[in-house]
Amino acid sequence: MARYLLLIHDNEAYYDTAGADERQALDEGHEVFAREHKDIIVEGGHLQASTTATVVRQDGKGDFLLTDGPYAETKEALGGYYVIDVATLDQALAVAKRLPFFGEVGDAAVEVRPMH
């Protein structure tokens, strides 16, 4: 078995304007996904808004520079993740296709990356 990280990118602006019913539907979708894949999910989490992020960089002088906000400024932001344990990339991609998406078509994507 191999571990894969499923990085869920979605449109935070859409999330901010969604109604309670839409948010509840997404949460329920993840609960269903987690139950269906409980045997391969190692862990997962829903991240707070990218505006709560702090980026740490080396400053080249032996210290660090801290900046508020996400590392990359994009419309889509990292909203959550799952670590799964499956045998192949094809299996990981099949699992990624089962994740509930949020927002308009094209606003959300799942990045699948193998882990060491």
Protein backbone atom coordinates (compact mmCIF):
# COMPACT_ATOMS: atom_id res chain seq x y z
CA MET A 1 0.00 0.00 0.00
CA ALA A 2 1.07 3.58 -0.58
CA ARG A 3 -0.10 6.80 0.89
CA TYR A 4 -1.54 9.63 -1.17
CA LEU A 5 -2.46 13.14 -0.11
CA LEU A 6 -5.70 14.48 -1.55
CA LEU A 7 -5.56 18.28 -1.41
CA ILE A 8 -9.00 19.83 -1.82
CA HIS A 9 -8.92 23.27 -3.44
CA ASP A 10 -12.11 25.27 -3.64
CA ASN A 11 -13.41 28.80 -3.98
CA GLU A 12 -13.49 30.44 -0.54
CA ALA A 13 -15.63 33.32 -1.81
CA TYR A 14 -18.34 30.86 -2.80
CA TYR A 15 -18.10 29.19 0.61
CA ASP A 16 -18.46 32.58 2.33
CA THR A 17 -21.66 33.35 0.44
CA ALA A 18 -23.21 29.87 0.59
CA GLY A 19 -26.27 29.35 2.68
CA ALA A 20 -26.53 27.09 5.72
CA ASP A 21 -28.24 24.38 3.65
CA GLU A 22 -25.42 24.30 1.11
CA ARG A 23 -22.75 24.12 3.82
CA GLN A 24 -24.66 21.37 5.62
CA ALA A 25 -24.96 19.42 2.35
CA LEU A 26 -21.20 19.65 1.85
CA ASP A 27 -20.51 18.53 5.43
CA GLU A 28 -22.89 15.61 5.00
CA GLY A 29 -21.18 14.74 1.72
CA HIS A 30 -17.84 14.50 3.50
CA GLU A 31 -19.38 12.40 6.26
CA VAL A 32 -20.69 9.96 3.65
CA PHE A 33 -17.32 9.97 1.86
CA ALA A 34 -15.51 9.26 5.15
CA ARG A 35 -17.84 6.37 6.02
CA GLU A 36 -17.51 4.85 2.54
CA HIS A 37 -13.71 5.07 2.63
CA LYS A 38 -13.05 4.46 6.34
CA ASP A 39 -10.77 1.51 5.59
CA ILE A 40 -8.31 3.59 3.54
CA ILE A 41 -8.50 7.06 5.14
CA VAL A 42 -5.52 7.62 7.42
CA GLU A 43 -6.56 11.13 8.39
CA GLY A 44 -8.26 14.21 7.05
CA GLY A 45 -9.17 17.72 7.98
CA HIS A 46 -11.06 20.85 7.04
CA LEU A 47 -8.85 23.93 7.11
CA GLN A 48 -9.87 27.38 8.28
CA ALA A 49 -9.90 30.20 5.71
CA SER A 50 -6.63 30.98 3.96
CA THR A 51 -6.70 34.44 5.58
CA THR A 52 -5.81 32.71 8.87
CA ALA A 53 -2.57 31.32 7.40
CA THR A 54 0.92 32.50 8.31
CA VAL A 55 3.78 31.89 5.88
CA VAL A 56 7.31 31.28 7.23
CA ARG A 57 10.26 32.06 4.92
CA GLN A 58 14.00 32.21 5.48
CA ASP A 59 15.17 35.81 5.18
CA GLY A 60 18.70 34.95 3.98
CA LYS A 61 20.23 36.50 7.10
CA GLY A 62 19.77 33.53 9.42
CA ASP A 63 16.32 34.49 10.55
CA PHE A 64 12.79 34.07 9.29
CA LEU A 65 10.21 36.34 7.74
CA LEU A 66 6.58 35.80 8.75
CA THR A 67 3.77 37.07 6.56
CA ASP A 68 0.01 36.87 6.97
CA GLY A 69 -2.15 35.11 4.44
CA PRO A 70 -1.71 32.14 2.14
CA TYR A 71 1.51 31.29 0.31
CA ALA A 72 -0.15 31.72 -3.08
CA GLU A 73 -2.84 34.28 -3.87
CA THR A 74 -5.42 32.50 -6.01
CA LYS A 75 -9.19 32.31 -6.31
CA GLU A 76 -9.05 28.69 -5.20
CA ALA A 77 -7.63 27.97 -1.75
CA LEU A 78 -6.63 24.81 0.05
CA GLY A 79 -9.73 23.95 2.05
CA GLY A 80 -9.04 20.48 3.33
CA TYR A 81 -7.21 17.24 2.85
CA TYR A 82 -7.32 13.50 3.24
CA VAL A 83 -4.42 11.07 3.56
CA ILE A 84 -5.40 7.73 2.08
CA ASP A 85 -3.65 4.37 1.92
CA VAL A 86 -4.24 2.57 -1.38
CA ALA A 87 -2.12 0.38 -3.68
CA THR A 88 -1.94 2.52 -6.82
CA LEU A 89 -2.31 6.03 -8.20
CA ASP A 90 -5.31 4.86 -10.21
CA GLN A 91 -7.03 3.83 -6.98
CA ALA A 92 -6.18 7.20 -5.41
CA LEU A 93 -7.63 9.01 -8.42
CA ALA A 94 -10.80 6.94 -8.22
CA VAL A 95 -11.19 7.92 -4.55
CA ALA A 96 -10.56 11.60 -5.38
CA LYS A 97 -13.40 11.49 -7.91
CA ARG A 98 -15.78 10.48 -5.10
CA LEU A 99 -15.11 13.60 -3.00
CA PRO A 100 -17.97 16.06 -2.71
CA PHE A 101 -17.26 19.32 -4.51
CA PHE A 102 -18.44 22.72 -3.49
CA GLY A 103 -19.15 25.72 -5.63
CA GLU A 104 -19.47 26.22 -9.34
CA VAL A 105 -18.10 23.68 -11.79
CA GLY A 106 -14.45 24.52 -12.30
CA ASP A 107 -14.08 26.27 -8.94
CA ALA A 108 -12.98 23.15 -7.08
CA ALA A 109 -10.26 20.60 -7.72
CA VAL A 110 -8.48 17.82 -5.89
CA GLU A 111 -4.71 17.53 -6.20
CA VAL A 112 -3.52 13.96 -5.68
CA ARG A 113 0.11 13.54 -4.61
CA PRO A 114 2.00 10.43 -3.58
CA MET A 115 3.74 10.55 -0.21
CA HIS A 116 7.12 9.10 0.72
